[in-house]
C-alpha atoms as a PDB file:
ATOM      1  CA  MET A   1     -12.149 -37.626  43.104  1.00  0.00           C
ATOM      2  CA  ARG A   2     -13.721 -40.339  41.106  1.00  0.00           C
ATOM      3  CA  PRO A   3     -15.088 -39.416  37.733  1.00  0.00           C
ATOM      4  CA  ALA A   4     -18.122 -38.895  36.204  1.00  0.00           C
ATOM      5  CA  ILE A   5     -19.047 -42.484  34.641  1.00  0.00           C
ATOM      6  CA  ARG A   6     -21.807 -43.018  31.991  1.00  0.00           C
ATOM      7  CA  PRO A   7     -22.911 -46.374  31.067  1.00  0.00           C
ATOM      8  CA  ARG A   8     -22.721 -47.213  27.170  1.00  0.00           C
ATOM      9  CA  PRO A   9     -22.196 -51.044  26.907  1.00  0.00           C
ATOM     10  CA  SER A  10     -20.890 -52.822  24.472  1.00  0.00           C
ATOM     11  CA  PRO A  11     -21.469 -56.641  23.418  1.00  0.00           C
ATOM     12  CA  ASN A  12     -18.149 -57.358  22.820  1.00  0.00           C
ATOM     13  CA  HIS A  13     -16.938 -59.636  25.370  1.00  0.00           C
ATOM     14  CA  ASP A  14     -16.154 -63.150  26.687  1.00  0.00           C
ATOM     15  CA  SER A  15     -15.455 -64.740  30.379  1.00  0.00           C
ATOM     16  CA  ARG A  16     -12.073 -64.226  31.264  1.00  0.00           C
ATOM     17  CA  LYS A  17     -12.287 -67.862  32.671  1.00  0.00           C
ATOM     18  CA  GLY A  18     -10.883 -66.872  36.114  1.00  0.00           C
ATOM     19  CA  ARG A  19      -7.686 -65.297  35.713  1.00  0.00           C
ATOM     20  CA  ALA A  20      -7.361 -62.952  38.069  1.00  0.00           C
ATOM     21  CA  ILE A  21      -6.937 -59.089  36.762  1.00  0.00           C
ATOM     22  CA  ASP A  22      -3.397 -57.949  37.235  1.00  0.00           C
ATOM     23  CA  MET A  23      -2.701 -55.367  34.324  1.00  0.00           C
ATOM     24  CA  ILE A  24      -4.251 -52.141  32.669  1.00  0.00           C
ATOM     25  CA  VAL A  25      -3.345 -51.508  29.528  1.00  0.00           C
ATOM     26  CA  LEU A  26      -4.186 -47.839  28.404  1.00  0.00           C
ATOM     27  CA  HIS A  27      -4.831 -47.042  23.988  1.00  0.00           C
ATOM     28  CA  TYR A  28      -5.236 -44.131  22.482  1.00  0.00           C
ATOM     29  CA  THR A  29      -8.553 -44.679  20.292  1.00  0.00           C
ATOM     30  CA  GLY A  30      -6.739 -43.228  16.665  1.00  0.00           C
ATOM     31  CA  MET A  31     -10.144 -41.429  15.846  1.00  0.00           C
ATOM     32  CA  ILE A  32     -11.769 -38.459  15.132  1.00  0.00           C
ATOM     33  CA  GLY A  33     -14.269 -37.624  17.862  1.00  0.00           C
ATOM     34  CA  ALA A  34     -15.230 -39.975  21.117  1.00  0.00           C
ATOM     35  CA  ALA A  35     -18.551 -40.542  19.590  1.00  0.00           C
ATOM     36  CA  GLU A  36     -17.197 -42.396  16.083  1.00  0.00           C
ATOM     37  CA  SER A  37     -14.833 -44.112  18.581  1.00  0.00           C
ATOM     38  CA  LEU A  38     -17.690 -45.481  21.124  1.00  0.00           C
ATOM     39  CA  GLU A  39     -19.792 -46.796  17.769  1.00  0.00           C
ATOM     40  CA  ARG A  40     -17.131 -48.481  16.495  1.00  0.00           C
ATOM     41  CA  LEU A  41     -16.606 -50.565  20.382  1.00  0.00           C
ATOM     42  CA  CYS A  42     -19.724 -50.942  20.473  1.00  0.00           C
ATOM     43  CA  ASP A  43     -20.580 -52.367  16.836  1.00  0.00           C
ATOM     44  CA  PRO A  44     -20.733 -56.459  17.193  1.00  0.00           C
ATOM     45  CA  ALA A  45     -19.269 -56.186  13.473  1.00  0.00           C
ATOM     46  CA  ALA A  46     -15.767 -54.178  14.736  1.00  0.00           C
ATOM     47  CA  LYS A  47     -14.968 -57.079  17.560  1.00  0.00           C
ATOM     48  CA  VAL A  48     -13.290 -54.446  18.924  1.00  0.00           C
ATOM     49  CA  SER A  49     -13.741 -53.428  23.146  1.00  0.00           C
ATOM     50  CA  ALA A  50     -12.481 -51.713  26.052  1.00  0.00           C
ATOM     51  CA  HIS A  51     -13.361 -51.654  29.683  1.00  0.00           C
ATOM     52  CA  TYR A  52     -13.621 -47.637  29.768  1.00  0.00           C
ATOM     53  CA  LEU A  53     -13.124 -45.069  26.811  1.00  0.00           C
ATOM     54  CA  ILE A  54     -12.251 -41.354  28.939  1.00  0.00           C
ATOM     55  CA  ASP A  55     -13.112 -38.579  26.097  1.00  0.00           C
ATOM     56  CA  GLU A  56     -10.916 -35.088  25.844  1.00  0.00           C
ATOM     57  CA  ASP A  57     -13.254 -33.098  28.302  1.00  0.00           C
ATOM     58  CA  GLY A  58     -12.874 -36.088  31.066  1.00  0.00           C
ATOM     59  CA  MET A  59     -16.437 -37.762  30.961  1.00  0.00           C
ATOM     60  CA  VAL A  60     -15.513 -40.970  31.460  1.00  0.00           C
ATOM     61  CA  TYR A  61     -17.680 -44.270  29.730  1.00  0.00           C
ATOM     62  CA  SER A  62     -18.490 -47.810  31.278  1.00  0.00           C
ATOM     63  CA  LEU A  63     -18.371 -50.181  28.142  1.00  0.00           C
ATOM     64  CA  VAL A  64     -17.499 -53.636  29.511  1.00  0.00           C
ATOM     65  CA  PRO A  65     -17.325 -54.826  33.184  1.00  0.00           C
ATOM     66  CA  GLU A  66     -14.306 -55.424  34.696  1.00  0.00           C
ATOM     67  CA  GLU A  67     -15.251 -58.808  35.906  1.00  0.00           C
ATOM     68  CA  ARG A  68     -15.844 -59.872  31.544  1.00  0.00           C
ATOM     69  CA  ARG A  69     -12.983 -59.604  28.971  1.00  0.00           C
ATOM     70  CA  ALA A  70     -12.536 -56.752  26.948  1.00  0.00           C
ATOM     71  CA  TRP A  71     -11.594 -57.629  23.402  1.00  0.00           C
ATOM     72  CA  HIS A  72      -8.949 -54.529  23.655  1.00  0.00           C
ATOM     73  CA  ALA A  73      -5.268 -55.794  23.003  1.00  0.00           C
ATOM     74  CA  GLY A  74      -5.273 -58.347  20.413  1.00  0.00           C
ATOM     75  CA  VAL A  75      -2.165 -60.313  19.778  1.00  0.00           C
ATOM     76  CA  ALA A  76       0.105 -59.050  22.591  1.00  0.00           C
ATOM     77  CA  PHE A  77       2.300 -60.450  24.957  1.00  0.00           C
ATOM     78  CA  TRP A  78       3.896 -59.158  28.543  1.00  0.00           C
ATOM     79  CA  SER A  79       6.081 -60.976  30.728  1.00  0.00           C
ATOM     80  CA  GLY A  80       5.305 -64.703  29.510  1.00  0.00           C
ATOM     81  CA  GLU A  81       1.703 -64.276  29.326  1.00  0.00           C
ATOM     82  CA  SER A  82      -0.035 -63.850  25.440  1.00  0.00           C
ATOM     83  CA  ASP A  83      -4.008 -63.461  26.454  1.00  0.00           C
ATOM     84  CA  ILE A  84      -3.153 -60.271  27.793  1.00  0.00           C
ATOM     85  CA  ASN A  85      -7.549 -59.441  27.129  1.00  0.00           C
ATOM     86  CA  ALA A  86      -7.838 -62.152  30.103  1.00  0.00           C
ATOM     87  CA  ILE A  87      -6.024 -60.506  32.203  1.00  0.00           C
ATOM     88  CA  SER A  88      -6.160 -57.017  31.976  1.00  0.00           C
ATOM     89  CA  VAL A  89      -8.592 -54.010  32.495  1.00  0.00           C
ATOM     90  CA  GLY A  90      -8.490 -51.769  28.911  1.00  0.00           C
ATOM     91  CA  ILE A  91      -8.881 -47.904  29.035  1.00  0.00           C
ATOM     92  CA  GLU A  92      -9.165 -46.257  25.593  1.00  0.00           C
ATOM     93  CA  LEU A  93      -8.243 -42.534  25.596  1.00  0.00           C
ATOM     94  CA  GLN A  94      -9.882 -40.240  22.877  1.00  0.00           C
ATOM     95  CA  ASN A  95      -7.253 -38.833  20.663  1.00  0.00           C
ATOM     96  CA  PRO A  96      -6.988 -38.713  17.133  1.00  0.00           C
ATOM     97  CA  GLY A  97      -3.748 -40.551  16.618  1.00  0.00           C
ATOM     98  CA  HIS A  98      -0.686 -40.714  14.988  1.00  0.00           C
ATOM     99  CA  GLU A  99      -2.658 -41.323  11.512  1.00  0.00           C
ATOM    100  CA  HIS A 100      -5.624 -38.223  12.373  1.00  0.00           C
ATOM    101  CA  GLY A 101      -3.353 -35.303  14.254  1.00  0.00           C
ATOM    102  CA  TYR A 102      -1.691 -36.998  16.941  1.00  0.00           C
ATOM    103  CA  ARG A 103      -1.905 -34.358  20.074  1.00  0.00           C
ATOM    104  CA  ALA A 104      -1.076 -34.235  23.668  1.00  0.00           C
ATOM    105  CA  PHE A 105      -3.726 -35.553  26.010  1.00  0.00           C
ATOM    106  CA  PRO A 106      -5.388 -32.749  28.039  1.00  0.00           C
ATOM    107  CA  ASP A 107      -5.022 -31.978  31.249  1.00  0.00           C
ATOM    108  CA  VAL A 108      -8.924 -33.059  32.741  1.00  0.00           C
ATOM    109  CA  GLN A 109      -8.758 -36.155  30.670  1.00  0.00           C
ATOM    110  CA  ILE A 110      -5.571 -37.439  32.419  1.00  0.00           C
ATOM    111  CA  GLU A 111      -6.891 -35.855  35.468  1.00  0.00           C
ATOM    112  CA  ALA A 112     -10.087 -38.218  34.572  1.00  0.00           C
ATOM    113  CA  LEU A 113      -7.522 -41.379  34.235  1.00  0.00           C
ATOM    114  CA  ILE A 114      -5.559 -41.307  37.396  1.00  0.00           C
ATOM    115  CA  SER A 115      -8.863 -41.229  39.163  1.00  0.00           C
ATOM    116  CA  LEU A 116     -10.121 -44.018  37.441  1.00  0.00           C
ATOM    117  CA  LEU A 117      -6.978 -45.774  38.239  1.00  0.00           C
ATOM    118  CA  ASP A 118      -7.401 -45.280  41.647  1.00  0.00           C
ATOM    119  CA  GLY A 119     -10.456 -47.101  41.734  1.00  0.00           C
ATOM    120  CA  ILE A 120      -9.388 -49.962  39.342  1.00  0.00           C
ATOM    121  CA  ARG A 121      -6.626 -50.993  41.678  1.00  0.00           C
ATOM    122  CA  SER A 122      -8.605 -50.324  44.839  1.00  0.00           C
ATOM    123  CA  ARG A 123     -10.245 -53.711  43.559  1.00  0.00           C
ATOM    124  CA  HIS A 124      -7.891 -55.398  41.493  1.00  0.00           C
ATOM    125  CA  ALA A 125      -3.653 -55.744  42.545  1.00  0.00           C
ATOM    126  CA  VAL A 126      -1.597 -54.359  39.416  1.00  0.00           C
ATOM    127  CA  PRO A 127       1.843 -53.857  40.021  1.00  0.00           C
ATOM    128  CA  ASP A 128       3.307 -50.444  38.890  1.00  0.00           C
ATOM    129  CA  ALA A 129       5.205 -52.625  36.314  1.00  0.00           C
ATOM    130  CA  ARG A 130       1.759 -53.922  34.967  1.00  0.00           C
ATOM    131  CA  ILE A 131       0.503 -50.626  33.530  1.00  0.00           C
ATOM    132  CA  VAL A 132       1.453 -50.538  29.973  1.00  0.00           C
ATOM    133  CA  GLY A 133       0.342 -49.123  27.157  1.00  0.00           C
ATOM    134  CA  HIS A 134      -0.680 -50.970  23.902  1.00  0.00           C
ATOM    135  CA  SER A 135       2.542 -49.948  22.418  1.00  0.00           C
ATOM    136  CA  ASP A 136       4.303 -52.250  25.139  1.00  0.00           C
ATOM    137  CA  VAL A 137       2.323 -55.579  24.890  1.00  0.00           C
ATOM    138  CA  ALA A 138       1.855 -55.051  20.655  1.00  0.00           C
ATOM    139  CA  PRO A 139       5.457 -53.281  19.753  1.00  0.00           C
ATOM    140  CA  ALA A 140       5.011 -54.276  16.124  1.00  0.00           C
ATOM    141  CA  ARG A 141       1.647 -53.598  15.491  1.00  0.00           C
ATOM    142  CA  LYS A 142       1.162 -50.169  17.809  1.00  0.00           C
ATOM    143  CA  GLU A 143       1.868 -47.225  18.712  1.00  0.00           C
ATOM    144  CA  ASP A 144      -0.668 -46.123  20.849  1.00  0.00           C
ATOM    145  CA  PRO A 145      -0.676 -43.870  23.335  1.00  0.00           C
ATOM    146  CA  GLY A 146       2.326 -42.753  21.952  1.00  0.00           C
ATOM    147  CA  GLU A 147       4.942 -40.301  23.035  1.00  0.00           C
ATOM    148  CA  LEU A 148       2.869 -37.663  24.059  1.00  0.00           C
ATOM    149  CA  PHE A 149       1.056 -39.803  26.775  1.00  0.00           C
ATOM    150  CA  PRO A 150       2.215 -38.472  30.505  1.00  0.00           C
ATOM    151  CA  TRP A 151       3.488 -41.300  31.428  1.00  0.00           C
ATOM    152  CA  ALA A 152       5.723 -39.198  34.677  1.00  0.00           C
ATOM    153  CA  ARG A 153       2.338 -37.533  35.261  1.00  0.00           C
ATOM    154  CA  LEU A 154       0.930 -40.995  36.317  1.00  0.00           C
ATOM    155  CA  ALA A 155       3.739 -42.626  38.236  1.00  0.00           C
ATOM    156  CA  ALA A 156       3.814 -39.360  40.493  1.00  0.00           C
ATOM    157  CA  ALA A 157       0.335 -39.868  41.403  1.00  0.00           C
ATOM    158  CA  GLY A 158       1.161 -43.046  42.037  1.00  0.00           C
ATOM    159  CA  HIS A 159       0.692 -45.119  38.980  1.00  0.00           C
ATOM    160  CA  GLY A 160       3.354 -46.724  36.522  1.00  0.00           C
ATOM    161  CA  LEU A 161       6.589 -46.982  36.329  1.00  0.00           C
ATOM    162  CA  TRP A 162       9.278 -43.852  35.558  1.00  0.00           C
ATOM    163  CA  PRO A 163      12.626 -44.381  37.535  1.00  0.00           C
ATOM    164  CA  GLU A 164      14.263 -41.022  37.831  1.00  0.00           C
ATOM    165  CA  MET A 165      17.301 -42.007  39.343  1.00  0.00           C
ATOM    166  CA  GLU A 166      20.548 -41.905  37.372  1.00  0.00           C
ATOM    167  CA  ALA A 167      21.997 -45.381  35.868  1.00  0.00           C
ATOM    168  CA  ALA A 168      25.279 -46.090  34.145  1.00  0.00           C
ATOM    169  CA  ALA A 169      24.381 -47.357  30.230  1.00  0.00           C
ATOM    170  CA  ILE A 170      23.981 -50.909  29.825  1.00  0.00           C
ATOM    171  CA  PRO A 171      26.109 -52.690  27.836  1.00  0.00           C
ATOM    172  CA  VAL A 172      24.606 -53.117  24.229  1.00  0.00           C
ATOM    173  CA  GLU A 173      24.375 -56.398  24.508  1.00  0.00           C
ATOM    174  CA  ASP A 174      22.176 -56.693  27.327  1.00  0.00           C
ATOM    175  CA  ALA A 175      19.840 -54.322  25.791  1.00  0.00           C
ATOM    176  CA  ALA A 176      17.664 -57.069  24.839  1.00  0.00           C
ATOM    177  CA  ALA A 177      17.732 -58.937  27.680  1.00  0.00           C
ATOM    178  CA  ALA A 178      17.199 -55.560  29.950  1.00  0.00           C
ATOM    179  CA  LEU A 179      13.872 -55.558  27.028  1.00  0.00           C
ATOM    180  CA  ALA A 180      12.414 -58.795  28.339  1.00  0.00           C
ATOM    181  CA  ARG A 181      13.156 -58.104  32.062  1.00  0.00           C
ATOM    182  CA  LEU A 182      10.526 -55.643  31.652  1.00  0.00           C
ATOM    183  CA  GLY A 183       8.544 -57.340  29.872  1.00  0.00           C
ATOM    184  CA  TYR A 184       8.923 -56.745  26.370  1.00  0.00           C
ATOM    185  CA  ALA A 185       8.764 -59.559  23.391  1.00  0.00           C
ATOM    186  CA  CYS A 186      11.932 -59.495  22.874  1.00  0.00           C
ATOM    187  CA  SER A 187      13.718 -62.843  21.911  1.00  0.00           C
ATOM    188  CA  GLY A 188      16.780 -61.991  20.136  1.00  0.00           C
ATOM    189  CA  SER A 189      19.679 -59.844  20.036  1.00  0.00           C
ATOM    190  CA  GLU A 190      18.981 -58.164  15.906  1.00  0.00           C
ATOM    191  CA  GLY A 191      16.171 -58.138  14.156  1.00  0.00           C
ATOM    192  CA  GLY A 192      12.864 -56.247  13.887  1.00  0.00           C
ATOM    193  CA  GLU A 193      11.583 -57.716  16.828  1.00  0.00           C
ATOM    194  CA  LEU A 194      14.489 -55.855  19.118  1.00  0.00           C
ATOM    195  CA  GLU A 195      13.836 -52.764  16.932  1.00  0.00           C
ATOM    196  CA  ALA A 196      10.134 -52.578  17.561  1.00  0.00           C
ATOM    197  CA  ALA A 197      10.524 -53.325  21.273  1.00  0.00           C
ATOM    198  CA  LEU A 198      13.073 -50.314  21.454  1.00  0.00           C
ATOM    199  CA  LEU A 199      10.945 -48.170  20.122  1.00  0.00           C
ATOM    200  CA  ALA A 200       8.046 -49.306  22.233  1.00  0.00           C
ATOM    201  CA  PHE A 201      10.271 -48.455  25.544  1.00  0.00           C
ATOM    202  CA  GLN A 202      11.382 -44.941  24.182  1.00  0.00           C
ATOM    203  CA  ARG A 203       8.289 -44.311  23.524  1.00  0.00           C
ATOM    204  CA  HIS A 204       6.704 -44.621  27.311  1.00  0.00           C
ATOM    205  CA  PHE A 205      10.704 -43.966  29.225  1.00  0.00           C
ATOM    206  CA  LEU A 206      12.424 -42.049  26.713  1.00  0.00           C
ATOM    207  CA  PRO A 207       9.784 -39.984  24.659  1.00  0.00           C
ATOM    208  CA  GLY A 208      11.543 -37.351  23.056  1.00  0.00           C
ATOM    209  CA  HIS A 209      14.080 -39.761  21.489  1.00  0.00           C
ATOM    210  CA  LEU A 210      12.384 -42.399  19.191  1.00  0.00           C
ATOM    211  CA  THR A 211      15.507 -43.648  17.425  1.00  0.00           C
ATOM    212  CA  ALA A 212      14.428 -47.840  17.689  1.00  0.00           C
ATOM    213  CA  SER A 213      17.807 -48.325  18.705  1.00  0.00           C
ATOM    214  CA  ALA A 214      20.282 -49.106  21.506  1.00  0.00           C
ATOM    215  CA  ASP A 215      22.247 -46.104  21.640  1.00  0.00           C
ATOM    216  CA  PRO A 216      23.982 -44.509  24.578  1.00  0.00           C
ATOM    217  CA  PRO A 217      20.205 -42.629  25.954  1.00  0.00           C
ATOM    218  CA  THR A 218      18.358 -45.938  25.516  1.00  0.00           C
ATOM    219  CA  LEU A 219      21.054 -48.048  27.160  1.00  0.00           C
ATOM    220  CA  ARG A 220      21.714 -45.738  29.876  1.00  0.00           C
ATOM    221  CA  ARG A 221      17.755 -45.564  30.129  1.00  0.00           C
ATOM    222  CA  LEU A 222      17.661 -49.343  30.354  1.00  0.00           C
ATOM    223  CA  GLY A 223      20.414 -49.115  32.508  1.00  0.00           C
ATOM    224  CA  GLN A 224      17.195 -47.475  35.613  1.00  0.00           C
ATOM    225  CA  PHE A 225      16.015 -51.056  35.463  1.00  0.00           C
ATOM    226  CA  TYR A 226      18.589 -53.715  35.049  1.00  0.00           C
END
């Protein structure tokens, strides 16, 4: 069922410069309410935006036309690409975030998201592996949509990755390569970049286990992709 979509145009966008859309990036707003979030996303001085915002009651706001480049990902990287805004649709989910009382995403909000994704993917060729969170593309800076976001439910509805098969743990020395194969920015085997990528991976694929380390549960989960 197509969600109700209410126009709320934002001036914060520019040209995609001919780039095709092949990613979707999910965010939470990190603000108390949708009115505050919309005000910021439509404020020229803020210089941020997204294509859509979904309120907790399921209302979808259209802010930027899909053919335009919204300003949602910032400094980001995925699978060799650094201009994530040019190739992605950005979707904000109203949620106060970790700083203001992070909470689960209501069913009606996720149902609206699934319907919105159905439509977006009917218009653009977006692979499951390229439906990601803001923390996936900017692990050193961001943690949204966070460990309470229902990635498994999204995948069950046909959007995104959530492997169910059992796999053997990969060797710890292969952790960085496994993360890089998925798309994460992770050039080394030690240091903050690897820890940030591990934590982002855990938020997405192992949300009950946020250790930021290449421990056995994480290595087993990475083995499902390697």
